Amino acid sequence: MDGKNRRINVDIERKWMRITIDHCVGGEILKLNIDEAKNLKEQLDNTIEDHLQRQNIRID
């Protein structure tokens, strides 16, 4: 999917973290409590780090 057609917003809604993902055919809303949001952040950090490390590996 082309990132130009997608917008991701993160807001606070009372006791929830609201993540809204808008794309050309609709959208999704996720409401996470603080523990779920922290868990998601940790998973994203780990996955991004893994992805960056894999980019540095050359396959000859």
PDB file of N, CA and C in Angstrom:
ATOM      1  N   MET A   1       0.843  -1.187   0.000  1.00  0.00           N
ATOM      2  CA  MET A   1       0.000   0.000   0.000  1.00  0.00           C
ATOM      3  C   MET A   1       0.882   1.241   0.000  1.00  0.00           C
ATOM      4  N   ASP A   2       0.509   2.217  -0.749  1.00  0.00           N
ATOM      5  CA  ASP A   2       1.235   3.468  -0.864  1.00  0.00           C
ATOM      6  C   ASP A   2       1.018   4.305   0.395  1.00  0.00           C
ATOM      7  N   GLY A   3       2.103   4.656   1.091  1.00  0.00           N
ATOM      8  CA  GLY A   3       2.018   5.433   2.318  1.00  0.00           C
ATOM      9  C   GLY A   3       1.434   6.822   2.123  1.00  0.00           C
ATOM     10  N   LYS A   4       1.436   7.317   0.893  1.00  0.00           N
ATOM     11  CA  LYS A   4       0.875   8.642   0.626  1.00  0.00           C
ATOM     12  C   LYS A   4      -0.632   8.667   0.828  1.00  0.00           C
ATOM     13  N   ASN A   5      -1.273   7.517   0.686  1.00  0.00           N
ATOM     14  CA  ASN A   5      -2.725   7.433   0.826  1.00  0.00           C
ATOM     15  C   ASN A   5      -3.143   7.014   2.226  1.00  0.00           C
ATOM     16  N   ARG A   6      -2.199   6.940   3.142  1.00  0.00           N
ATOM     17  CA  ARG A   6      -2.511   6.474   4.494  1.00  0.00           C
ATOM     18  C   ARG A   6      -2.069   7.537   5.507  1.00  0.00           C
ATOM     19  N   ARG A   7      -2.897   7.742   6.505  1.00  0.00           N
ATOM     20  CA  ARG A   7      -2.584   8.690   7.574  1.00  0.00           C
ATOM     21  C   ARG A   7      -2.815   7.984   8.904  1.00  0.00           C
ATOM     22  N   ILE A   8      -1.847   8.087   9.798  1.00  0.00           N
ATOM     23  CA  ILE A   8      -1.956   7.452  11.111  1.00  0.00           C
ATOM     24  C   ILE A   8      -1.910   8.552  12.167  1.00  0.00           C
ATOM     25  N   ASN A   9      -2.922   8.569  13.030  1.00  0.00           N
ATOM     26  CA  ASN A   9      -3.001   9.539  14.128  1.00  0.00           C
ATOM     27  C   ASN A   9      -3.085   8.799  15.454  1.00  0.00           C
ATOM     28  N   VAL A  10      -2.431   9.357  16.459  1.00  0.00           N
ATOM     29  CA  VAL A  10      -2.499   8.798  17.811  1.00  0.00           C
ATOM     30  C   VAL A  10      -2.963   9.913  18.740  1.00  0.00           C
ATOM     31  N   ASP A  11      -4.029   9.646  19.486  1.00  0.00           N
ATOM     32  CA  ASP A  11      -4.605  10.632  20.399  1.00  0.00           C
ATOM     33  C   ASP A  11      -4.924   9.973  21.731  1.00  0.00           C
ATOM     34  N   ILE A  12      -5.167  10.808  22.725  1.00  0.00           N
ATOM     35  CA  ILE A  12      -5.618  10.337  24.033  1.00  0.00           C
ATOM     36  C   ILE A  12      -7.124  10.553  24.103  1.00  0.00           C
ATOM     37  N   GLU A  13      -7.833   9.512  24.486  1.00  0.00           N
ATOM     38  CA  GLU A  13      -9.286   9.593  24.641  1.00  0.00           C
ATOM     39  C   GLU A  13      -9.633   9.027  26.006  1.00  0.00           C
ATOM     40  N   ARG A  14      -9.842   9.908  26.960  1.00  0.00           N
ATOM     41  CA  ARG A  14     -10.099   9.528  28.348  1.00  0.00           C
ATOM     42  C   ARG A  14      -9.015   8.598  28.843  1.00  0.00           C
ATOM     43  N   LYS A  15      -9.317   7.334  29.080  1.00  0.00           N
ATOM     44  CA  LYS A  15      -8.314   6.393  29.589  1.00  0.00           C
ATOM     45  C   LYS A  15      -7.701   5.534  28.487  1.00  0.00           C
ATOM     46  N   TRP A  16      -7.994   5.846  27.232  1.00  0.00           N
ATOM     47  CA  TRP A  16      -7.524   5.045  26.105  1.00  0.00           C
ATOM     48  C   TRP A  16      -6.517   5.812  25.256  1.00  0.00           C
ATOM     49  N   MET A  17      -5.673   5.070  24.565  1.00  0.00           N
ATOM     50  CA  MET A  17      -4.865   5.616  23.489  1.00  0.00           C
ATOM     51  C   MET A  17      -5.622   5.243  22.215  1.00  0.00           C
ATOM     52  N   ARG A  18      -6.007   6.224  21.436  1.00  0.00           N
ATOM     53  CA  ARG A  18      -6.777   5.971  20.215  1.00  0.00           C
ATOM     54  C   ARG A  18      -5.850   6.114  19.016  1.00  0.00           C
ATOM     55  N   ILE A  19      -5.747   5.047  18.233  1.00  0.00           N
ATOM     56  CA  ILE A  19      -4.948   5.041  17.016  1.00  0.00           C
ATOM     57  C   ILE A  19      -5.927   4.969  15.849  1.00  0.00           C
ATOM     58  N   THR A  20      -5.872   5.976  14.996  1.00  0.00           N
ATOM     59  CA  THR A  20      -6.747   6.026  13.827  1.00  0.00           C
ATOM     60  C   THR A  20      -5.888   5.890  12.584  1.00  0.00           C
ATOM     61  N   ILE A  21      -6.227   4.910  11.758  1.00  0.00           N
ATOM     62  CA  ILE A  21      -5.524   4.690  10.494  1.00  0.00           C
ATOM     63  C   ILE A  21      -6.523   4.940   9.375  1.00  0.00           C
ATOM     64  N   ASP A  22      -6.316   6.034   8.640  1.00  0.00           N
ATOM     65  CA  ASP A  22      -7.181   6.384   7.517  1.00  0.00           C
ATOM     66  C   ASP A  22      -6.467   6.018   6.225  1.00  0.00           C
ATOM     67  N   HIS A  23      -7.189   5.391   5.320  1.00  0.00           N
ATOM     68  CA  HIS A  23      -6.658   5.110   3.993  1.00  0.00           C
ATOM     69  C   HIS A  23      -7.759   5.320   2.980  1.00  0.00           C
ATOM     70  N   CYS A  24      -7.420   5.209   1.733  1.00  0.00           N
ATOM     71  CA  CYS A  24      -8.330   5.639   0.667  1.00  0.00           C
ATOM     72  C   CYS A  24      -9.661   4.886   0.638  1.00  0.00           C
ATOM     73  N   VAL A  25      -9.744   3.685   1.185  1.00  0.00           N
ATOM     74  CA  VAL A  25     -10.998   2.926   1.127  1.00  0.00           C
ATOM     75  C   VAL A  25     -11.721   2.870   2.473  1.00  0.00           C
ATOM     76  N   GLY A  26     -11.273   3.607   3.449  1.00  0.00           N
ATOM     77  CA  GLY A  26     -11.926   3.590   4.755  1.00  0.00           C
ATOM     78  C   GLY A  26     -10.919   3.857   5.853  1.00  0.00           C
ATOM     79  N   GLY A  27     -11.176   3.265   7.006  1.00  0.00           N
ATOM     80  CA  GLY A  27     -10.278   3.484   8.120  1.00  0.00           C
ATOM     81  C   GLY A  27     -10.519   2.499   9.233  1.00  0.00           C
ATOM     82  N   GLU A  28      -9.593   2.516  10.165  1.00  0.00           N
ATOM     83  CA  GLU A  28      -9.667   1.649  11.342  1.00  0.00           C
ATOM     84  C   GLU A  28      -9.381   2.494  12.571  1.00  0.00           C
ATOM     85  N   ILE A  29     -10.043   2.169  13.669  1.00  0.00           N
ATOM     86  CA  ILE A  29      -9.783   2.827  14.938  1.00  0.00           C
ATOM     87  C   ILE A  29      -9.468   1.759  15.962  1.00  0.00           C
ATOM     88  N   LEU A  30      -8.326   1.900  16.623  1.00  0.00           N
ATOM     89  CA  LEU A  30      -7.945   1.008  17.714  1.00  0.00           C
ATOM     90  C   LEU A  30      -7.954   1.813  19.003  1.00  0.00           C
ATOM     91  N   LYS A  31      -8.525   1.256  20.042  1.00  0.00           N
ATOM     92  CA  LYS A  31      -8.491   1.889  21.356  1.00  0.00           C
ATOM     93  C   LYS A  31      -7.760   0.930  22.285  1.00  0.00           C
ATOM     94  N   LEU A  32      -6.615   1.386  22.791  1.00  0.00           N
ATOM     95  CA  LEU A  32      -5.763   0.557  23.634  1.00  0.00           C
ATOM     96  C   LEU A  32      -5.646   1.175  25.016  1.00  0.00           C
ATOM     97  N   ASN A  33      -5.635   0.313  26.046  1.00  0.00           N
ATOM     98  CA  ASN A  33      -5.343   0.840  27.376  1.00  0.00           C
ATOM     99  C   ASN A  33      -3.836   1.058  27.463  1.00  0.00           C
ATOM    100  N   ILE A  34      -3.365   1.643  28.540  1.00  0.00           N
ATOM    101  CA  ILE A  34      -1.959   2.033  28.639  1.00  0.00           C
ATOM    102  C   ILE A  34      -1.026   0.827  28.545  1.00  0.00           C
ATOM    103  N   ASP A  35      -1.395  -0.306  29.147  1.00  0.00           N
ATOM    104  CA  ASP A  35      -0.550  -1.502  29.074  1.00  0.00           C
ATOM    105  C   ASP A  35      -0.473  -2.045  27.650  1.00  0.00           C
ATOM    106  N   GLU A  36      -1.596  -2.048  26.950  1.00  0.00           N
ATOM    107  CA  GLU A  36      -1.607  -2.504  25.560  1.00  0.00           C
ATOM    108  C   GLU A  36      -0.777  -1.568  24.679  1.00  0.00           C
ATOM    109  N   ALA A  37      -0.877  -0.263  24.930  1.00  0.00           N
ATOM    110  CA  ALA A  37      -0.112   0.709  24.149  1.00  0.00           C
ATOM    111  C   ALA A  37       1.386   0.536  24.388  1.00  0.00           C
ATOM    112  N   LYS A  38       1.779   0.306  25.631  1.00  0.00           N
ATOM    113  CA  LYS A  38       3.197   0.071  25.942  1.00  0.00           C
ATOM    114  C   LYS A  38       3.696  -1.203  25.265  1.00  0.00           C
ATOM    115  N   ASN A  39       2.870  -2.246  25.285  1.00  0.00           N
ATOM    116  CA  ASN A  39       3.236  -3.505  24.645  1.00  0.00           C
ATOM    117  C   ASN A  39       3.399  -3.301  23.136  1.00  0.00           C
ATOM    118  N   LEU A  40       2.484  -2.569  22.510  1.00  0.00           N
ATOM    119  CA  LEU A  40       2.575  -2.286  21.084  1.00  0.00           C
ATOM    120  C   LEU A  40       3.844  -1.498  20.775  1.00  0.00           C
ATOM    121  N   LYS A  41       4.146  -0.503  21.597  1.00  0.00           N
ATOM    122  CA  LYS A  41       5.362   0.302  21.399  1.00  0.00           C
ATOM    123  C   LYS A  41       6.597  -0.583  21.456  1.00  0.00           C
ATOM    124  N   GLU A  42       6.662  -1.474  22.436  1.00  0.00           N
ATOM    125  CA  GLU A  42       7.811  -2.370  22.577  1.00  0.00           C
ATOM    126  C   GLU A  42       7.946  -3.282  21.351  1.00  0.00           C
ATOM    127  N   GLN A  43       6.826  -3.819  20.895  1.00  0.00           N
ATOM    128  CA  GLN A  43       6.858  -4.691  19.716  1.00  0.00           C
ATOM    129  C   GLN A  43       7.290  -3.921  18.474  1.00  0.00           C
ATOM    130  N   LEU A  44       6.796  -2.695  18.318  1.00  0.00           N
ATOM    131  CA  LEU A  44       7.206  -1.875  17.177  1.00  0.00           C
ATOM    132  C   LEU A  44       8.693  -1.537  17.241  1.00  0.00           C
ATOM    133  N   ASP A  45       9.179  -1.158  18.416  1.00  0.00           N
ATOM    134  CA  ASP A  45      10.603  -0.855  18.575  1.00  0.00           C
ATOM    135  C   ASP A  45      11.460  -2.058  18.195  1.00  0.00           C
ATOM    136  N   ASN A  46      11.086  -3.250  18.680  1.00  0.00           N
ATOM    137  CA  ASN A  46      11.846  -4.458  18.381  1.00  0.00           C
ATOM    138  C   ASN A  46      11.803  -4.799  16.898  1.00  0.00           C
ATOM    139  N   THR A  47      10.642  -4.667  16.297  1.00  0.00           N
ATOM    140  CA  THR A  47      10.489  -5.002  14.883  1.00  0.00           C
ATOM    141  C   THR A  47      11.248  -4.017  14.005  1.00  0.00           C
ATOM    142  N   ILE A  48      11.206  -2.743  14.348  1.00  0.00           N
ATOM    143  CA  ILE A  48      11.949  -1.737  13.586  1.00  0.00           C
ATOM    144  C   ILE A  48      13.444  -1.983  13.693  1.00  0.00           C
ATOM    145  N   GLU A  49      13.929  -2.274  14.885  1.00  0.00           N
ATOM    146  CA  GLU A  49      15.355  -2.565  15.079  1.00  0.00           C
ATOM    147  C   GLU A  49      15.770  -3.788  14.269  1.00  0.00           C
ATOM    148  N   ASP A  50      14.955  -4.832  14.290  1.00  0.00           N
ATOM    149  CA  ASP A  50      15.237  -6.046  13.518  1.00  0.00           C
ATOM    150  C   ASP A  50      15.278  -5.726  12.023  1.00  0.00           C
ATOM    151  N   HIS A  51      14.325  -4.941  11.565  1.00  0.00           N
ATOM    152  CA  HIS A  51      14.268  -4.560  10.150  1.00  0.00           C
ATOM    153  C   HIS A  51      15.530  -3.790   9.748  1.00  0.00           C
ATOM    154  N   LEU A  52      15.953  -2.838  10.583  1.00  0.00           N
ATOM    155  CA  LEU A  52      17.144  -2.049  10.275  1.00  0.00           C
ATOM    156  C   LEU A  52      18.391  -2.930  10.247  1.00  0.00           C
ATOM    157  N   GLN A  53      18.485  -3.879  11.158  1.00  0.00           N
ATOM    158  CA  GLN A  53      19.631  -4.783  11.172  1.00  0.00           C
ATOM    159  C   GLN A  53      19.634  -5.660   9.925  1.00  0.00           C
ATOM    160  N   ARG A  54      18.477  -6.118   9.498  1.00  0.00           N
ATOM    161  CA  ARG A  54      18.401  -6.958   8.300  1.00  0.00           C
ATOM    162  C   ARG A  54      18.785  -6.182   7.048  1.00  0.00           C
ATOM    163  N   GLN A  55      18.538  -4.882   7.028  1.00  0.00           N
ATOM    164  CA  GLN A  55      18.927  -4.070   5.871  1.00  0.00           C
ATOM    165  C   GLN A  55      20.431  -4.011   5.740  1.00  0.00           C
ATOM    166  N   ASN A  56      21.146  -4.136   6.853  1.00  0.00           N
ATOM    167  CA  ASN A  56      22.607  -4.048   6.843  1.00  0.00           C
ATOM    168  C   ASN A  56      23.271  -5.363   6.443  1.00  0.00           C
ATOM    169  N   ILE A  57      22.513  -6.431   6.356  1.00  0.00           N
ATOM    170  CA  ILE A  57      23.069  -7.733   5.998  1.00  0.00           C
ATOM    171  C   ILE A  57      23.093  -7.840   4.477  1.00  0.00           C
ATOM    172  N   ARG A  58      24.271  -8.079   3.929  1.00  0.00           N
ATOM    173  CA  ARG A  58      24.394  -8.268   2.477  1.00  0.00           C
ATOM    174  C   ARG A  58      24.381  -9.740   2.145  1.00  0.00           C
ATOM    175  N   ILE A  59      23.631 -10.077   1.159  1.00  0.00           N
ATOM    176  CA  ILE A  59      23.609 -11.448   0.679  1.00  0.00           C
ATOM    177  C   ILE A  59      24.313 -11.476  -0.667  1.00  0.00           C
ATOM    178  N   ASP A  60      25.435 -12.167  -0.720  1.00  0.00           N
ATOM    179  CA  ASP A  60      26.214 -12.249  -1.962  1.00  0.00           C
ATOM    180  C   ASP A  60      25.918 -13.514  -2.702  1.00  0.00           C
TER     181      ASP A  60
END
